[in-house]
Amino acid sequence: MKQLPNRQTRQTSQPSRSRTARVIHVSVQPKTWFGKLIAGIVGVAVMLVAFFLSVVAFVVVTGIVVAAVIYFLWATRRVRRTMRNRTIDGEIQTRDLQ
């Protein structure tokens, strides 16, 4: 980050002195009971929104998987029907071990 040059805005009779930069400090930790209450409410709201979004994502993924399984079963129904109705022709031979 570049350092801003010191600028003098007014001409005064005092000797020139450098201007200090203003620093703004923002605290994210609430200090009062009301701030803590608001932070708690916001935290719970964020957690609820995240929970409901995860539930929606789970339902969408589950729906896609169910649709894929149903499509696979529908596409292979003819093959399963022919496999079920097919008989194997063969001759049974016995072997006497006496």
PDB file of N, CA and C in Angstrom:
ATOM      1  N   MET A   1       0.835  -1.158   0.000  1.00  0.00           N
ATOM      2  CA  MET A   1       0.000   0.000   0.000  1.00  0.00           C
ATOM      3  C   MET A   1       0.890   1.235   0.000  1.00  0.00           C
ATOM      4  N   LYS A   2       0.573   2.185  -0.815  1.00  0.00           N
ATOM      5  CA  LYS A   2       1.393   3.385  -0.924  1.00  0.00           C
ATOM      6  C   LYS A   2       1.112   4.341   0.228  1.00  0.00           C
ATOM      7  N   GLN A   3       2.149   5.028   0.619  1.00  0.00           N
ATOM      8  CA  GLN A   3       2.023   6.059   1.638  1.00  0.00           C
ATOM      9  C   GLN A   3       1.537   7.330   0.967  1.00  0.00           C
ATOM     10  N   LEU A   4       0.509   7.937   1.521  1.00  0.00           N
ATOM     11  CA  LEU A   4       0.003   9.185   0.974  1.00  0.00           C
ATOM     12  C   LEU A   4       0.955  10.320   1.343  1.00  0.00           C
ATOM     13  N   PRO A   5       1.180  11.251   0.436  1.00  0.00           N
ATOM     14  CA  PRO A   5       2.094  12.360   0.760  1.00  0.00           C
ATOM     15  C   PRO A   5       1.447  13.311   1.757  1.00  0.00           C
ATOM     16  N   ASN A   6       2.279  13.919   2.551  1.00  0.00           N
ATOM     17  CA  ASN A   6       1.786  14.914   3.509  1.00  0.00           C
ATOM     18  C   ASN A   6       1.487  16.202   2.768  1.00  0.00           C
ATOM     19  N   ARG A   7       0.309  16.720   2.952  1.00  0.00           N
ATOM     20  CA  ARG A   7      -0.077  17.957   2.277  1.00  0.00           C
ATOM     21  C   ARG A   7      -0.464  18.990   3.329  1.00  0.00           C
ATOM     22  N   GLN A   8      -0.093  20.180   3.072  1.00  0.00           N
ATOM     23  CA  GLN A   8      -0.505  21.268   3.957  1.00  0.00           C
ATOM     24  C   GLN A   8      -1.668  21.975   3.291  1.00  0.00           C
ATOM     25  N   THR A   9      -2.754  22.095   4.020  1.00  0.00           N
ATOM     26  CA  THR A   9      -3.927  22.726   3.441  1.00  0.00           C
ATOM     27  C   THR A   9      -3.999  24.212   3.760  1.00  0.00           C
ATOM     28  N   ARG A  10      -3.479  24.617   4.916  1.00  0.00           N
ATOM     29  CA  ARG A  10      -3.539  26.024   5.297  1.00  0.00           C
ATOM     30  C   ARG A  10      -2.130  26.551   5.542  1.00  0.00           C
ATOM     31  N   GLN A  11      -1.983  27.780   5.222  1.00  0.00           N
ATOM     32  CA  GLN A  11      -0.729  28.448   5.538  1.00  0.00           C
ATOM     33  C   GLN A  11      -0.891  29.074   6.919  1.00  0.00           C
ATOM     34  N   THR A  12      -0.069  28.654   7.841  1.00  0.00           N
ATOM     35  CA  THR A  12      -0.139  29.220   9.184  1.00  0.00           C
ATOM     36  C   THR A  12       1.216  29.782   9.555  1.00  0.00           C
ATOM     37  N   SER A  13       1.226  30.533  10.636  1.00  0.00           N
ATOM     38  CA  SER A  13       2.481  31.114  11.097  1.00  0.00           C
ATOM     39  C   SER A  13       3.291  30.105  11.913  1.00  0.00           C
ATOM     40  N   GLN A  14       2.655  28.967  12.249  1.00  0.00           N
ATOM     41  CA  GLN A  14       3.359  27.938  13.011  1.00  0.00           C
ATOM     42  C   GLN A  14       4.318  27.196  12.104  1.00  0.00           C
ATOM     43  N   PRO A  15       5.356  26.633  12.700  1.00  0.00           N
ATOM     44  CA  PRO A  15       6.275  25.854  11.871  1.00  0.00           C
ATOM     45  C   PRO A  15       5.556  24.651  11.261  1.00  0.00           C
ATOM     46  N   SER A  16       6.014  24.253  10.134  1.00  0.00           N
ATOM     47  CA  SER A  16       5.346  23.165   9.420  1.00  0.00           C
ATOM     48  C   SER A  16       5.536  21.853  10.164  1.00  0.00           C
ATOM     49  N   ARG A  17       4.468  21.160  10.349  1.00  0.00           N
ATOM     50  CA  ARG A  17       4.539  19.855  11.014  1.00  0.00           C
ATOM     51  C   ARG A  17       3.785  18.839  10.159  1.00  0.00           C
ATOM     52  N   SER A  18       4.184  17.631  10.261  1.00  0.00           N
ATOM     53  CA  SER A  18       3.554  16.609   9.421  1.00  0.00           C
ATOM     54  C   SER A  18       2.181  16.264   9.971  1.00  0.00           C
ATOM     55  N   ARG A  19       1.320  15.992   9.055  1.00  0.00           N
ATOM     56  CA  ARG A  19      -0.051  15.655   9.406  1.00  0.00           C
ATOM     57  C   ARG A  19      -0.148  14.162   9.655  1.00  0.00           C
ATOM     58  N   THR A  20      -0.790  13.782  10.724  1.00  0.00           N
ATOM     59  CA  THR A  20      -0.920  12.354  11.030  1.00  0.00           C
ATOM     60  C   THR A  20      -2.148  11.790  10.328  1.00  0.00           C
ATOM     61  N   ALA A  21      -2.037  10.537   9.935  1.00  0.00           N
ATOM     62  CA  ALA A  21      -3.155   9.892   9.260  1.00  0.00           C
ATOM     63  C   ALA A  21      -4.174   9.439  10.291  1.00  0.00           C
ATOM     64  N   ARG A  22      -5.417   9.547   9.933  1.00  0.00           N
ATOM     65  CA  ARG A  22      -6.487   9.092  10.820  1.00  0.00           C
ATOM     66  C   ARG A  22      -6.707   7.601  10.605  1.00  0.00           C
ATOM     67  N   VAL A  23      -6.803   6.887  11.689  1.00  0.00           N
ATOM     68  CA  VAL A  23      -7.037   5.451  11.633  1.00  0.00           C
ATOM     69  C   VAL A  23      -8.412   5.176  12.201  1.00  0.00           C
ATOM     70  N   ILE A  24      -9.213   4.488  11.432  1.00  0.00           N
ATOM     71  CA  ILE A  24     -10.551   4.127  11.888  1.00  0.00           C
ATOM     72  C   ILE A  24     -10.514   2.667  12.290  1.00  0.00           C
ATOM     73  N   HIS A  25     -10.873   2.398  13.519  1.00  0.00           N
ATOM     74  CA  HIS A  25     -10.870   1.031  14.035  1.00  0.00           C
ATOM     75  C   HIS A  25     -12.311   0.569  14.168  1.00  0.00           C
ATOM     76  N   VAL A  26     -12.638  -0.526  13.501  1.00  0.00           N
ATOM     77  CA  VAL A  26     -13.973  -1.095  13.576  1.00  0.00           C
ATOM     78  C   VAL A  26     -13.873  -2.384  14.372  1.00  0.00           C
ATOM     79  N   SER A  27     -14.568  -2.436  15.461  1.00  0.00           N
ATOM     80  CA  SER A  27     -14.547  -3.623  16.309  1.00  0.00           C
ATOM     81  C   SER A  27     -15.704  -4.533  15.928  1.00  0.00           C
ATOM     82  N   VAL A  28     -15.413  -5.819  15.768  1.00  0.00           N
ATOM     83  CA  VAL A  28     -16.466  -6.767  15.429  1.00  0.00           C
ATOM     84  C   VAL A  28     -16.993  -7.469  16.671  1.00  0.00           C
ATOM     85  N   GLN A  29     -16.397  -7.178  17.797  1.00  0.00           N
ATOM     86  CA  GLN A  29     -16.844  -7.771  19.041  1.00  0.00           C
ATOM     87  C   GLN A  29     -17.772  -6.784  19.742  1.00  0.00           C
ATOM     88  N   PRO A  30     -19.028  -7.212  19.987  1.00  0.00           N
ATOM     89  CA  PRO A  30     -19.954  -6.281  20.635  1.00  0.00           C
ATOM     90  C   PRO A  30     -19.554  -6.017  22.087  1.00  0.00           C
ATOM     91  N   LYS A  31     -19.749  -4.793  22.518  1.00  0.00           N
ATOM     92  CA  LYS A  31     -19.356  -4.393  23.870  1.00  0.00           C
ATOM     93  C   LYS A  31     -20.547  -4.349  24.824  1.00  0.00           C
ATOM     94  N   THR A  32     -21.717  -3.977  24.330  1.00  0.00           N
ATOM     95  CA  THR A  32     -22.882  -3.819  25.203  1.00  0.00           C
ATOM     96  C   THR A  32     -23.768  -5.052  25.128  1.00  0.00           C
ATOM     97  N   TRP A  33     -24.720  -5.135  26.040  1.00  0.00           N
ATOM     98  CA  TRP A  33     -25.632  -6.277  26.053  1.00  0.00           C
ATOM     99  C   TRP A  33     -26.527  -6.261  24.817  1.00  0.00           C
ATOM    100  N   PHE A  34     -26.889  -5.058  24.363  1.00  0.00           N
ATOM    101  CA  PHE A  34     -27.732  -4.966  23.169  1.00  0.00           C
ATOM    102  C   PHE A  34     -26.969  -5.422  21.924  1.00  0.00           C
ATOM    103  N   GLY A  35     -25.704  -5.051  21.839  1.00  0.00           N
ATOM    104  CA  GLY A  35     -24.875  -5.498  20.727  1.00  0.00           C
ATOM    105  C   GLY A  35     -24.685  -7.004  20.736  1.00  0.00           C
ATOM    106  N   LYS A  36     -24.518  -7.565  21.948  1.00  0.00           N
ATOM    107  CA  LYS A  36     -24.383  -9.021  22.060  1.00  0.00           C
ATOM    108  C   LYS A  36     -25.677  -9.721  21.667  1.00  0.00           C
ATOM    109  N   LEU A  37     -26.816  -9.138  22.041  1.00  0.00           N
ATOM    110  CA  LEU A  37     -28.109  -9.706  21.663  1.00  0.00           C
ATOM    111  C   LEU A  37     -28.289  -9.700  20.151  1.00  0.00           C
ATOM    112  N   ILE A  38     -27.982  -8.575  19.525  1.00  0.00           N
ATOM    113  CA  ILE A  38     -28.104  -8.467  18.064  1.00  0.00           C
ATOM    114  C   ILE A  38     -27.141  -9.435  17.381  1.00  0.00           C
ATOM    115  N   ALA A  39     -25.916  -9.551  17.887  1.00  0.00           N
ATOM    116  CA  ALA A  39     -24.949 -10.484  17.304  1.00  0.00           C
ATOM    117  C   ALA A  39     -25.434 -11.918  17.436  1.00  0.00           C
ATOM    118  N   GLY A  40     -26.033 -12.251  18.556  1.00  0.00           N
ATOM    119  CA  GLY A  40     -26.583 -13.594  18.744  1.00  0.00           C
ATOM    120  C   GLY A  40     -27.734 -13.885  17.795  1.00  0.00           C
ATOM    121  N   ILE A  41     -28.622 -12.912  17.636  1.00  0.00           N
ATOM    122  CA  ILE A  41     -29.755 -13.089  16.726  1.00  0.00           C
ATOM    123  C   ILE A  41     -29.267 -13.238  15.290  1.00  0.00           C
ATOM    124  N   VAL A  42     -28.313 -12.422  14.894  1.00  0.00           N
ATOM    125  CA  VAL A  42     -27.759 -12.520  13.531  1.00  0.00           C
ATOM    126  C   VAL A  42     -27.058 -13.858  13.340  1.00  0.00           C
ATOM    127  N   GLY A  43     -26.324 -14.314  14.346  1.00  0.00           N
ATOM    128  CA  GLY A  43     -25.646 -15.609  14.252  1.00  0.00           C
ATOM    129  C   GLY A  43     -26.616 -16.765  14.099  1.00  0.00           C
ATOM    130  N   VAL A  44     -27.687 -16.744  14.884  1.00  0.00           N
ATOM    131  CA  VAL A  44     -28.700 -17.806  14.777  1.00  0.00           C
ATOM    132  C   VAL A  44     -29.382 -17.741  13.416  1.00  0.00           C
ATOM    133  N   ALA A  45     -29.671 -16.549  12.929  1.00  0.00           N
ATOM    134  CA  ALA A  45     -30.316 -16.412  11.618  1.00  0.00           C
ATOM    135  C   ALA A  45     -29.424 -16.949  10.504  1.00  0.00           C
ATOM    136  N   VAL A  46     -28.132 -16.655  10.576  1.00  0.00           N
ATOM    137  CA  VAL A  46     -27.205 -17.156   9.559  1.00  0.00           C
ATOM    138  C   VAL A  46     -27.132 -18.680   9.604  1.00  0.00           C
ATOM    139  N   MET A  47     -27.106 -19.245  10.800  1.00  0.00           N
ATOM    140  CA  MET A  47     -27.064 -20.705  10.916  1.00  0.00           C
ATOM    141  C   MET A  47     -28.339 -21.347  10.393  1.00  0.00           C
ATOM    142  N   LEU A  48     -29.495 -20.737  10.642  1.00  0.00           N
ATOM    143  CA  LEU A  48     -30.753 -21.279  10.124  1.00  0.00           C
ATOM    144  C   LEU A  48     -30.802 -21.220   8.601  1.00  0.00           C
ATOM    145  N   VAL A  49     -30.352 -20.131   8.034  1.00  0.00           N
ATOM    146  CA  VAL A  49     -30.330 -20.009   6.572  1.00  0.00           C
ATOM    147  C   VAL A  49     -29.397 -21.056   5.973  1.00  0.00           C
ATOM    148  N   ALA A  50     -28.232 -21.252   6.587  1.00  0.00           N
ATOM    149  CA  ALA A  50     -27.298 -22.268   6.091  1.00  0.00           C
ATOM    150  C   ALA A  50     -27.902 -23.662   6.203  1.00  0.00           C
ATOM    151  N   PHE A  51     -28.610 -23.941   7.294  1.00  0.00           N
ATOM    152  CA  PHE A  51     -29.246 -25.251   7.465  1.00  0.00           C
ATOM    153  C   PHE A  51     -30.306 -25.481   6.393  1.00  0.00           C
ATOM    154  N   PHE A  52     -31.168 -24.499   6.170  1.00  0.00           N
ATOM    155  CA  PHE A  52     -32.222 -24.673   5.180  1.00  0.00           C
ATOM    156  C   PHE A  52     -31.654 -24.781   3.762  1.00  0.00           C
ATOM    157  N   LEU A  53     -30.584 -24.064   3.465  1.00  0.00           N
ATOM    158  CA  LEU A  53     -29.958 -24.200   2.154  1.00  0.00           C
ATOM    159  C   LEU A  53     -29.353 -25.592   1.980  1.00  0.00           C
ATOM    160  N   SER A  54     -28.786 -26.150   3.047  1.00  0.00           N
ATOM    161  CA  SER A  54     -28.241 -27.505   2.940  1.00  0.00           C
ATOM    162  C   SER A  54     -29.355 -28.526   2.767  1.00  0.00           C
ATOM    163  N   VAL A  55     -30.499 -28.312   3.408  1.00  0.00           N
ATOM    164  CA  VAL A  55     -31.641 -29.213   3.221  1.00  0.00           C
ATOM    165  C   VAL A  55     -32.139 -29.140   1.779  1.00  0.00           C
ATOM    166  N   VAL A  56     -32.227 -27.943   1.235  1.00  0.00           N
ATOM    167  CA  VAL A  56     -32.672 -27.782  -0.158  1.00  0.00           C
ATOM    168  C   VAL A  56     -31.680 -28.457  -1.103  1.00  0.00           C
ATOM    169  N   ALA A  57     -30.389 -28.290  -0.866  1.00  0.00           N
ATOM    170  CA  ALA A  57     -29.382 -28.933  -1.715  1.00  0.00           C
ATOM    171  C   ALA A  57     -29.490 -30.453  -1.621  1.00  0.00           C
ATOM    172  N   PHE A  58     -29.718 -30.983  -0.422  1.00  0.00           N
ATOM    173  CA  PHE A  58     -29.879 -32.425  -0.248  1.00  0.00           C
ATOM    174  C   PHE A  58     -31.095 -32.935  -1.008  1.00  0.00           C
ATOM    175  N   VAL A  59     -32.204 -32.222  -0.944  1.00  0.00           N
ATOM    176  CA  VAL A  59     -33.423 -32.632  -1.651  1.00  0.00           C
ATOM    177  C   VAL A  59     -33.200 -32.608  -3.164  1.00  0.00           C
ATOM    178  N   VAL A  60     -32.520 -31.592  -3.665  1.00  0.00           N
ATOM    179  CA  VAL A  60     -32.254 -31.497  -5.108  1.00  0.00           C
ATOM    180  C   VAL A  60     -31.363 -32.652  -5.565  1.00  0.00           C
ATOM    181  N   VAL A  61     -30.298 -32.933  -4.831  1.00  0.00           N
ATOM    182  CA  VAL A  61     -29.393 -34.028  -5.210  1.00  0.00           C
ATOM    183  C   VAL A  61     -30.120 -35.370  -5.126  1.00  0.00           C
ATOM    184  N   THR A  62     -30.927 -35.569  -4.086  1.00  0.00           N
ATOM    185  CA  THR A  62     -31.693 -36.810  -3.953  1.00  0.00           C
ATOM    186  C   THR A  62     -32.681 -36.958  -5.109  1.00  0.00           C
ATOM    187  N   GLY A  63     -33.324 -35.889  -5.503  1.00  0.00           N
ATOM    188  CA  GLY A  63     -34.253 -35.941  -6.640  1.00  0.00           C
ATOM    189  C   GLY A  63     -33.545 -36.305  -7.934  1.00  0.00           C
ATOM    190  N   ILE A  64     -32.357 -35.776  -8.148  1.00  0.00           N
ATOM    191  CA  ILE A  64     -31.599 -36.099  -9.355  1.00  0.00           C
ATOM    192  C   ILE A  64     -31.200 -37.572  -9.360  1.00  0.00           C
ATOM    193  N   VAL A  65     -30.772 -38.077  -8.204  1.00  0.00           N
ATOM    194  CA  VAL A  65     -30.377 -39.493  -8.116  1.00  0.00           C
ATOM    195  C   VAL A  65     -31.579 -40.401  -8.344  1.00  0.00           C
ATOM    196  N   VAL A  66     -32.714 -40.088  -7.752  1.00  0.00           N
ATOM    197  CA  VAL A  66     -33.926 -40.899  -7.945  1.00  0.00           C
ATOM    198  C   VAL A  66     -34.355 -40.871  -9.404  1.00  0.00           C
ATOM    199  N   ALA A  67     -34.303 -39.721 -10.041  1.00  0.00           N
ATOM    200  CA  ALA A  67     -34.668 -39.626 -11.450  1.00  0.00           C
ATOM    201  C   ALA A  67     -33.712 -40.452 -12.314  1.00  0.00           C
ATOM    202  N   ALA A  68     -32.424 -40.462 -11.984  1.00  0.00           N
ATOM    203  CA  ALA A  68     -31.462 -41.252 -12.760  1.00  0.00           C
ATOM    204  C   ALA A  68     -31.723 -42.750 -12.594  1.00  0.00           C
ATOM    205  N   VAL A  69     -32.055 -43.187 -11.380  1.00  0.00           N
ATOM    206  CA  VAL A  69     -32.346 -44.610 -11.146  1.00  0.00           C
ATOM    207  C   VAL A  69     -33.618 -45.013 -11.880  1.00  0.00           C
ATOM    208  N   ILE A  70     -34.643 -44.206 -11.823  1.00  0.00           N
ATOM    209  CA  ILE A  70     -35.896 -44.512 -12.532  1.00  0.00           C
ATOM    210  C   ILE A  70     -35.654 -44.561 -14.034  1.00  0.00           C
ATOM    211  N   TYR A  71     -34.870 -43.641 -14.580  1.00  0.00           N
ATOM    212  CA  TYR A  71     -34.563 -43.653 -16.011  1.00  0.00           C
ATOM    213  C   TYR A  71     -33.790 -44.921 -16.388  1.00  0.00           C
ATOM    214  N   PHE A  72     -32.829 -45.310 -15.557  1.00  0.00           N
ATOM    215  CA  PHE A  72     -32.052 -46.521 -15.833  1.00  0.00           C
ATOM    216  C   PHE A  72     -32.952 -47.758 -15.824  1.00  0.00           C
ATOM    217  N   LEU A  73     -33.841 -47.844 -14.843  1.00  0.00           N
ATOM    218  CA  LEU A  73     -34.756 -48.996 -14.789  1.00  0.00           C
ATOM    219  C   LEU A  73     -35.718 -48.992 -15.972  1.00  0.00           C
ATOM    220  N   TRP A  74     -36.187 -47.832 -16.377  1.00  0.00           N
ATOM    221  CA  TRP A  74     -37.086 -47.728 -17.517  1.00  0.00           C
ATOM    222  C   TRP A  74     -36.366 -48.106 -18.816  1.00  0.00           C
ATOM    223  N   ALA A  75     -35.142 -47.692 -18.970  1.00  0.00           N
ATOM    224  CA  ALA A  75     -34.392 -47.958 -20.197  1.00  0.00           C
ATOM    225  C   ALA A  75     -34.011 -49.438 -20.315  1.00  0.00           C
ATOM    226  N   THR A  76     -33.851 -50.132 -19.208  1.00  0.00           N
ATOM    227  CA  THR A  76     -33.413 -51.529 -19.254  1.00  0.00           C
ATOM    228  C   THR A  76     -34.555 -52.513 -19.037  1.00  0.00           C
ATOM    229  N   ARG A  77     -35.800 -52.071 -19.114  1.00  0.00           N
ATOM    230  CA  ARG A  77     -36.918 -52.976 -18.838  1.00  0.00           C
ATOM    231  C   ARG A  77     -37.033 -54.086 -19.863  1.00  0.00           C
ATOM    232  N   ARG A  78     -36.777 -53.795 -21.142  1.00  0.00           N
ATOM    233  CA  ARG A  78     -36.877 -54.832 -22.177  1.00  0.00           C
ATOM    234  C   ARG A  78     -35.802 -55.892 -21.994  1.00  0.00           C
ATOM    235  N   VAL A  79     -34.607 -55.482 -21.656  1.00  0.00           N
ATOM    236  CA  VAL A  79     -33.516 -56.431 -21.456  1.00  0.00           C
ATOM    237  C   VAL A  79     -33.831 -57.330 -20.264  1.00  0.00           C
ATOM    238  N   ARG A  80     -34.349 -56.771 -19.189  1.00  0.00           N
ATOM    239  CA  ARG A  80     -34.682 -57.581 -18.014  1.00  0.00           C
ATOM    240  C   ARG A  80     -35.828 -58.540 -18.318  1.00  0.00           C
ATOM    241  N   ARG A  81     -36.793 -58.108 -19.128  1.00  0.00           N
ATOM    242  CA  ARG A  81     -37.918 -58.982 -19.486  1.00  0.00           C
ATOM    243  C   ARG A  81     -37.434 -60.162 -20.325  1.00  0.00           C
ATOM    244  N   THR A  82     -36.582 -59.931 -21.302  1.00  0.00           N
ATOM    245  CA  THR A  82     -36.079 -61.031 -22.131  1.00  0.00           C
ATOM    246  C   THR A  82     -35.181 -61.964 -21.325  1.00  0.00           C
ATOM    247  N   MET A  83     -34.416 -61.445 -20.379  1.00  0.00           N
ATOM    248  CA  MET A  83     -33.581 -62.296 -19.533  1.00  0.00           C
ATOM    249  C   MET A  83     -34.452 -63.181 -18.637  1.00  0.00           C
ATOM    250  N   ARG A  84     -35.551 -62.663 -18.168  1.00  0.00           N
ATOM    251  CA  ARG A  84     -36.426 -63.417 -17.286  1.00  0.00           C
ATOM    252  C   ARG A  84     -37.148 -64.532 -18.043  1.00  0.00           C
ATOM    253  N   ASN A  85     -37.558 -64.294 -19.293  1.00  0.00           N
ATOM    254  CA  ASN A  85     -38.333 -65.273 -20.072  1.00  0.00           C
ATOM    255  C   ASN A  85     -37.453 -66.266 -20.826  1.00  0.00           C
ATOM    256  N   ARG A  86     -36.170 -66.064 -20.852  1.00  0.00           N
ATOM    257  CA  ARG A  86     -35.291 -66.944 -21.593  1.00  0.00           C
ATOM    258  C   ARG A  86     -35.030 -68.220 -20.796  1.00  0.00           C
ATOM    259  N   THR A  87     -35.108 -69.349 -21.491  1.00  0.00           N
ATOM    260  CA  THR A  87     -34.816 -70.632 -20.847  1.00  0.00           C
ATOM    261  C   THR A  87     -33.539 -71.187 -21.447  1.00  0.00           C
ATOM    262  N   ILE A  88     -32.835 -71.917 -20.663  1.00  0.00           N
ATOM    263  CA  ILE A  88     -31.587 -72.519 -21.117  1.00  0.00           C
ATOM    264  C   ILE A  88     -31.883 -73.972 -21.469  1.00  0.00           C
ATOM    265  N   ASP A  89     -31.644 -74.327 -22.737  1.00  0.00           N
ATOM    266  CA  ASP A  89     -31.851 -75.701 -23.185  1.00  0.00           C
ATOM    267  C   ASP A  89     -30.552 -76.465 -23.029  1.00  0.00           C
ATOM    268  N   GLY A  90     -30.663 -77.626 -22.471  1.00  0.00           N
ATOM    269  CA  GLY A  90     -29.463 -78.433 -22.314  1.00  0.00           C
ATOM    270  C   GLY A  90     -29.831 -79.847 -21.892  1.00  0.00           C
ATOM    271  N   GLU A  91     -28.895 -80.675 -21.886  1.00  0.00           N
ATOM    272  CA  GLU A  91     -29.112 -82.060 -21.535  1.00  0.00           C
ATOM    273  C   GLU A  91     -28.461 -82.314 -20.196  1.00  0.00           C
ATOM    274  N   ILE A  92     -29.173 -82.989 -19.329  1.00  0.00           N
ATOM    275  CA  ILE A  92     -28.641 -83.293 -17.999  1.00  0.00           C
ATOM    276  C   ILE A  92     -27.962 -84.646 -18.079  1.00  0.00           C
ATOM    277  N   GLN A  93     -26.771 -84.685 -17.706  1.00  0.00           N
ATOM    278  CA  GLN A  93     -26.038 -85.937 -17.676  1.00  0.00           C
ATOM    279  C   GLN A  93     -25.653 -86.248 -16.245  1.00  0.00           C
ATOM    280  N   THR A  94     -25.768 -87.477 -15.916  1.00  0.00           N
ATOM    281  CA  THR A  94     -25.362 -87.882 -14.581  1.00  0.00           C
ATOM    282  C   THR A  94     -24.110 -88.711 -14.690  1.00  0.00           C
ATOM    283  N   ARG A  95     -23.347 -88.708 -13.721  1.00  0.00           N
ATOM    284  CA  ARG A  95     -22.123 -89.470 -13.725  1.00  0.00           C
ATOM    285  C   ARG A  95     -22.140 -90.397 -12.527  1.00  0.00           C
ATOM    286  N   ASP A  96     -22.057 -91.597 -12.791  1.00  0.00           N
ATOM    287  CA  ASP A  96     -22.066 -92.572 -11.689  1.00  0.00           C
ATOM    288  C   ASP A  96     -20.651 -92.768 -11.185  1.00  0.00           C
ATOM    289  N   LEU A  97     -20.484 -92.648  -9.927  1.00  0.00           N
ATOM    290  CA  LEU A  97     -19.173 -92.759  -9.324  1.00  0.00           C
ATOM    291  C   LEU A  97     -18.964 -94.138  -8.664  1.00  0.00           C
ATOM    292  N   GLN A  98     -19.605 -95.116  -9.096  1.00  0.00           N
ATOM    293  CA  GLN A  98     -19.468 -96.421  -8.462  1.00  0.00           C
ATOM    294  C   GLN A  98     -18.383 -97.238  -9.049  1.00  0.00           C
TER     295      GLN A  98
END
